[in-house]
Amino acid sequence: MPVFAHAEVKVAVTANFKPTLVTLIDEYTRMHPKADIRVSSASTGVLYAQINRGAPFDIFLSADSDRPKRLEKSGLVEANTRKNYALGQLVLWRKGFSSVNAESLNTLTGKLAIANPKLAPFGLAAKQAMQKLGTYTALQSRIVLGNNVSQTAHYVKSGAAEAGFVALSQVIQRSGQSKDYWLLPSHLYSPINQQMVVIKQSGRPEHETQEVMAFHHFILSDAGQSIITKSGYQSSKMQSIPRVKPDVQ
């Protein structure tokens, strides 16, 4: 359905997905020049708390399925809009090192960065992986927590941490960089099943609601999913999560 009036769409996005969302917005607004999509980014837990307090977001792109389900049960979500949009993949990034693998955790001498497990699903996945590998207790005193996975990546990039658990999407598109990360096997952590919802907003004009739903549909479309998989995620259409690197150019 074409939208002729100016329409603002306010999107709350988990930190790991923000760069990919920007790419999706660029493609969407190329096709829908009247759309005005505004982005707010933080950890999933922080955004969930803001929405519960009445933040005026239209779409919430979470890094898990738990918070969208909770919002739906609270009656804050438009019917039939809770959808899987991506499956996140966890990596151990050790900038400047080669042959990064599970054994790398035993040779760390500096800080290890992870996102706060209470706020960020990628942080929870990192904790689960270390516990299954039997390294969490030994490393706990050297762990530095980021508010979200973007801050965690910054710690590694800046050298404040020797290594960190981040999203695959944050490391695969660095031009000219060697493969200095390890893509963790799926059995080491619970699936990072990322879901989105459309938030109920009383008084939202009809033309804005149309634009909100159009962008929601675009993210799930073949064009949207192609962008998502090229950015380091598994497609939302996948039922299982084989941890293989996507074919990215």
Protein backbone atom coordinates (compact mmCIF):
# COMPACT_ATOMS: atom_id res chain seq x y z
CA MET A 1 0.00 0.00 0.00
CA PRO A 2 1.56 3.32 -1.02
CA VAL A 3 2.01 5.95 1.67
CA PHE A 4 1.95 9.54 0.50
CA ALA A 5 2.20 11.53 3.72
CA HIS A 6 5.38 11.93 5.72
CA ALA A 7 5.54 9.01 8.17
CA GLU A 8 7.89 8.71 11.13
CA VAL A 9 8.72 5.25 12.42
CA LYS A 10 10.55 5.00 15.76
CA VAL A 11 12.60 1.81 16.07
CA ALA A 12 14.24 0.48 19.24
CA VAL A 13 17.03 -1.91 18.25
CA THR A 14 19.33 -4.14 20.24
CA ALA A 15 22.94 -2.97 20.00
CA ASN A 16 24.24 -5.95 18.03
CA PHE A 17 21.77 -5.39 15.21
CA LYS A 18 22.05 -1.62 14.78
CA PRO A 19 24.57 -1.63 11.87
CA THR A 20 22.44 -4.14 9.97
CA LEU A 21 19.32 -2.11 10.69
CA VAL A 22 20.99 0.95 9.16
CA THR A 23 21.59 -1.06 5.96
CA LEU A 24 17.97 -2.22 5.97
CA ILE A 25 16.76 1.35 6.42
CA ASP A 26 18.92 2.58 3.54
CA GLU A 27 17.36 0.03 1.21
CA TYR A 28 13.83 0.57 2.50
CA THR A 29 13.94 4.37 2.23
CA ARG A 30 15.30 4.07 -1.28
CA MET A 31 12.01 2.38 -2.15
CA HIS A 32 9.89 4.45 0.28
CA PRO A 33 11.32 7.98 0.21
CA LYS A 34 8.50 9.38 2.38
CA ALA A 35 9.47 7.15 5.30
CA ASP A 36 11.40 8.70 8.20
CA ILE A 37 12.83 5.95 10.38
CA ARG A 38 14.37 7.03 13.68
CA VAL A 39 16.63 4.62 15.60
CA SER A 40 17.34 4.23 19.31
CA SER A 41 19.89 1.58 20.29
CA ALA A 42 20.79 -0.03 23.63
CA SER A 43 20.89 -3.48 25.20
CA THR A 44 17.75 -5.57 24.90
CA GLY A 45 17.13 -5.33 28.66
CA VAL A 46 17.38 -1.54 28.72
CA LEU A 47 15.04 -1.11 25.75
CA TYR A 48 12.55 -3.56 27.26
CA ALA A 49 12.47 -1.52 30.46
CA GLN A 50 11.95 1.71 28.50
CA ILE A 51 9.02 0.22 26.57
CA ASN A 52 7.44 -0.97 29.80
CA ARG A 53 7.69 2.61 31.08
CA GLY A 54 5.85 3.90 28.01
CA ALA A 55 8.64 4.89 25.62
CA PRO A 56 7.02 5.86 22.29
CA PHE A 57 8.65 3.23 20.06
CA ASP A 58 6.81 1.71 17.12
CA ILE A 59 8.99 -1.37 16.53
CA PHE A 60 11.22 -3.25 18.96
CA LEU A 61 14.00 -5.39 17.50
CA SER A 62 15.15 -7.56 20.39
CA ALA A 63 18.20 -9.85 20.65
CA ASP A 64 16.05 -12.53 22.25
CA SER A 65 12.54 -13.96 22.19
CA ASP A 66 11.87 -13.62 25.92
CA ARG A 67 11.30 -9.86 26.11
CA PRO A 68 8.99 -9.72 23.07
CA LYS A 69 6.96 -12.56 24.58
CA ARG A 70 6.70 -10.70 27.88
CA LEU A 71 5.56 -7.52 26.13
CA GLU A 72 2.99 -9.51 24.20
CA LYS A 73 1.65 -11.08 27.41
CA SER A 74 1.40 -7.57 28.90
CA GLY A 75 -0.84 -6.48 26.05
CA LEU A 76 1.65 -3.96 24.67
CA VAL A 77 2.09 -5.58 21.25
CA GLU A 78 -0.01 -5.40 18.10
CA ALA A 79 -1.57 -8.76 17.24
CA ASN A 80 0.45 -11.17 15.09
CA THR A 81 3.54 -8.97 14.93
CA ARG A 82 5.90 -10.99 17.14
CA LYS A 83 8.19 -12.58 14.56
CA ASN A 84 11.66 -14.07 14.35
CA TYR A 85 13.80 -11.75 12.23
CA ALA A 86 17.31 -13.19 12.72
CA LEU A 87 19.37 -15.77 14.55
CA GLY A 88 22.44 -14.30 16.20
CA GLN A 89 25.85 -15.98 16.15
CA LEU A 90 28.45 -15.63 18.90
CA VAL A 91 32.19 -15.32 18.33
CA LEU A 92 35.26 -14.95 20.50
CA TRP A 93 37.20 -12.02 19.07
CA ARG A 94 40.90 -11.66 19.86
CA LYS A 95 42.03 -8.72 17.78
CA GLY A 96 45.31 -9.21 15.97
CA PHE A 97 45.62 -12.91 16.81
CA SER A 98 45.31 -15.81 14.44
CA SER A 99 43.97 -19.34 14.98
CA VAL A 100 41.51 -18.24 17.66
CA ASN A 101 39.69 -21.20 19.22
CA ALA A 102 38.46 -22.58 22.55
CA GLU A 103 42.03 -22.99 23.76
CA SER A 104 42.51 -19.22 23.37
CA LEU A 105 40.52 -18.74 26.58
CA ASN A 106 43.21 -20.63 28.49
CA THR A 107 46.03 -18.44 27.16
CA LEU A 108 44.50 -15.04 27.91
CA THR A 109 46.62 -12.78 30.11
CA GLY A 110 44.48 -9.62 29.94
CA LYS A 111 40.84 -8.67 30.31
CA LEU A 112 37.97 -10.55 28.69
CA ALA A 113 34.97 -8.45 27.65
CA ILE A 114 31.40 -9.70 27.56
CA ALA A 115 28.08 -7.89 27.48
CA ASN A 116 26.19 -7.84 30.77
CA PRO A 117 24.40 -11.23 30.89
CA LYS A 118 21.48 -9.67 32.81
CA LEU A 119 20.79 -7.18 30.02
CA ALA A 120 22.17 -8.60 26.77
CA PRO A 121 21.45 -12.03 25.25
CA PHE A 122 24.93 -12.14 23.69
CA GLY A 123 26.37 -11.68 27.18
CA LEU A 124 24.22 -14.50 28.53
CA ALA A 125 25.34 -16.70 25.64
CA ALA A 126 28.98 -15.89 26.41
CA LYS A 127 28.53 -16.88 30.05
CA GLN A 128 26.79 -20.11 29.06
CA ALA A 129 29.59 -20.97 26.63
CA MET A 130 32.33 -20.39 29.20
CA GLN A 131 30.45 -22.47 31.76
CA LYS A 132 30.13 -25.37 29.30
CA LEU A 133 33.81 -25.06 28.38
CA GLY A 134 34.73 -25.07 32.06
CA THR A 135 36.54 -21.72 31.91
CA TYR A 136 34.10 -19.34 33.57
CA THR A 137 35.36 -19.71 37.14
CA ALA A 138 39.00 -19.24 36.14
CA LEU A 139 38.24 -16.18 34.00
CA GLN A 140 35.60 -14.52 36.19
CA SER A 141 38.04 -12.16 37.95
CA ARG A 142 39.24 -10.81 34.59
CA ILE A 143 35.86 -10.29 32.97
CA VAL A 144 34.88 -6.72 32.15
CA LEU A 145 31.19 -6.11 31.44
CA GLY A 146 29.87 -3.93 28.65
CA ASN A 147 26.40 -2.42 28.84
CA ASN A 148 25.72 -4.05 25.47
CA VAL A 149 27.58 -5.99 22.81
CA SER A 150 28.61 -2.82 20.94
CA GLN A 151 30.44 -1.55 24.01
CA THR A 152 31.99 -4.98 24.41
CA ALA A 153 33.33 -4.80 20.86
CA HIS A 154 34.69 -1.32 21.57
CA TYR A 155 36.66 -2.68 24.52
CA VAL A 156 38.37 -5.20 22.23
CA LYS A 157 38.87 -2.76 19.37
CA SER A 158 40.44 -0.15 21.65
CA GLY A 159 42.69 -2.64 23.44
CA ALA A 160 40.97 -2.19 26.80
CA ALA A 161 40.29 -5.94 26.67
CA GLU A 162 42.50 -8.60 25.15
CA ALA A 163 39.50 -10.52 23.84
CA GLY A 164 35.74 -10.43 23.93
CA PHE A 165 32.58 -12.31 23.06
CA VAL A 166 30.71 -10.37 20.37
CA ALA A 167 28.32 -10.92 17.48
CA LEU A 168 29.64 -12.43 14.25
CA SER A 169 28.10 -9.46 12.44
CA GLN A 170 30.51 -7.14 14.24
CA VAL A 171 33.66 -8.80 12.92
CA ILE A 172 33.02 -10.27 9.48
CA GLN A 173 32.82 -7.03 7.52
CA ARG A 174 36.11 -5.43 8.58
CA SER A 175 37.89 -4.93 5.27
CA GLY A 176 41.45 -6.20 5.16
CA GLN A 177 41.30 -7.87 8.57
CA SER A 178 42.52 -11.41 9.08
CA LYS A 179 40.25 -14.01 10.68
CA ASP A 180 41.01 -13.25 14.32
CA TYR A 181 37.86 -14.74 15.81
CA TRP A 182 36.29 -18.11 16.61
CA LEU A 183 32.69 -18.88 15.66
CA LEU A 184 31.33 -20.84 18.61
CA PRO A 185 29.50 -24.15 18.03
CA SER A 186 25.77 -24.05 18.62
CA HIS A 187 25.78 -26.58 21.48
CA LEU A 188 27.70 -24.18 23.75
CA TYR A 189 24.84 -21.72 24.28
CA SER A 190 21.11 -21.30 23.95
CA PRO A 191 20.02 -20.11 20.50
CA ILE A 192 20.03 -16.32 20.14
CA ASN A 193 16.61 -16.24 18.57
CA GLN A 194 16.02 -12.57 17.80
CA GLN A 195 12.40 -11.43 17.60
CA MET A 196 10.66 -8.18 16.80
CA VAL A 197 7.27 -6.75 17.68
CA VAL A 198 5.16 -3.74 16.78
CA ILE A 199 4.34 -1.78 19.92
CA LYS A 200 0.81 -0.50 20.48
CA GLN A 201 0.69 3.30 20.47
CA SER A 202 -2.64 5.00 21.06
CA GLY A 203 -3.15 7.92 18.74
CA ARG A 204 -0.69 6.77 16.09
CA PRO A 205 -1.93 8.19 12.78
CA GLU A 206 -3.15 5.65 10.25
CA HIS A 207 -0.51 6.59 7.66
CA GLU A 208 2.24 6.03 10.24
CA THR A 209 0.76 2.68 11.21
CA GLN A 210 0.83 1.69 7.53
CA GLU A 211 4.50 2.66 7.31
CA VAL A 212 5.34 0.80 10.53
CA MET A 213 3.75 -2.37 9.19
CA ALA A 214 5.37 -1.93 5.79
CA PHE A 215 8.82 -1.73 7.38
CA HIS A 216 8.00 -4.72 9.62
CA HIS A 217 7.10 -6.72 6.51
CA PHE A 218 10.22 -5.55 4.66
CA ILE A 219 12.52 -6.90 7.38
CA LEU A 220 10.92 -10.34 6.94
CA SER A 221 10.89 -10.19 3.13
CA ASP A 222 13.40 -11.99 0.94
CA ALA A 223 15.16 -8.67 0.30
CA GLY A 224 15.39 -7.89 4.00
CA GLN A 225 16.49 -11.39 4.93
CA SER A 226 19.19 -11.31 2.26
CA ILE A 227 20.69 -8.20 3.87
CA ILE A 228 20.47 -9.83 7.31
CA THR A 229 22.24 -13.06 6.31
CA LYS A 230 25.00 -11.17 4.48
CA SER A 231 25.56 -9.22 7.70
CA GLY A 232 26.46 -12.30 9.73
CA TYR A 233 23.14 -13.65 10.96
CA GLN A 234 21.21 -16.77 10.13
CA SER A 235 17.90 -16.22 8.41
CA SER A 236 14.77 -16.07 10.54
CA LYS A 237 13.35 -18.78 8.29
CA MET A 238 15.86 -21.37 9.54
CA GLN A 239 14.54 -23.93 12.01
CA SER A 240 17.98 -25.04 13.22
CA ILE A 241 21.21 -23.14 13.69
CA PRO A 242 24.21 -24.78 12.04
CA ARG A 243 27.07 -22.50 12.99
CA VAL A 244 28.67 -21.93 9.63
CA LYS A 245 29.89 -18.62 8.38
CA PRO A 246 27.48 -17.03 5.86
CA ASP A 247 28.75 -16.52 2.36
CA VAL A 248 29.67 -12.85 2.54
CA GLN A 249 31.66 -10.91 0.02
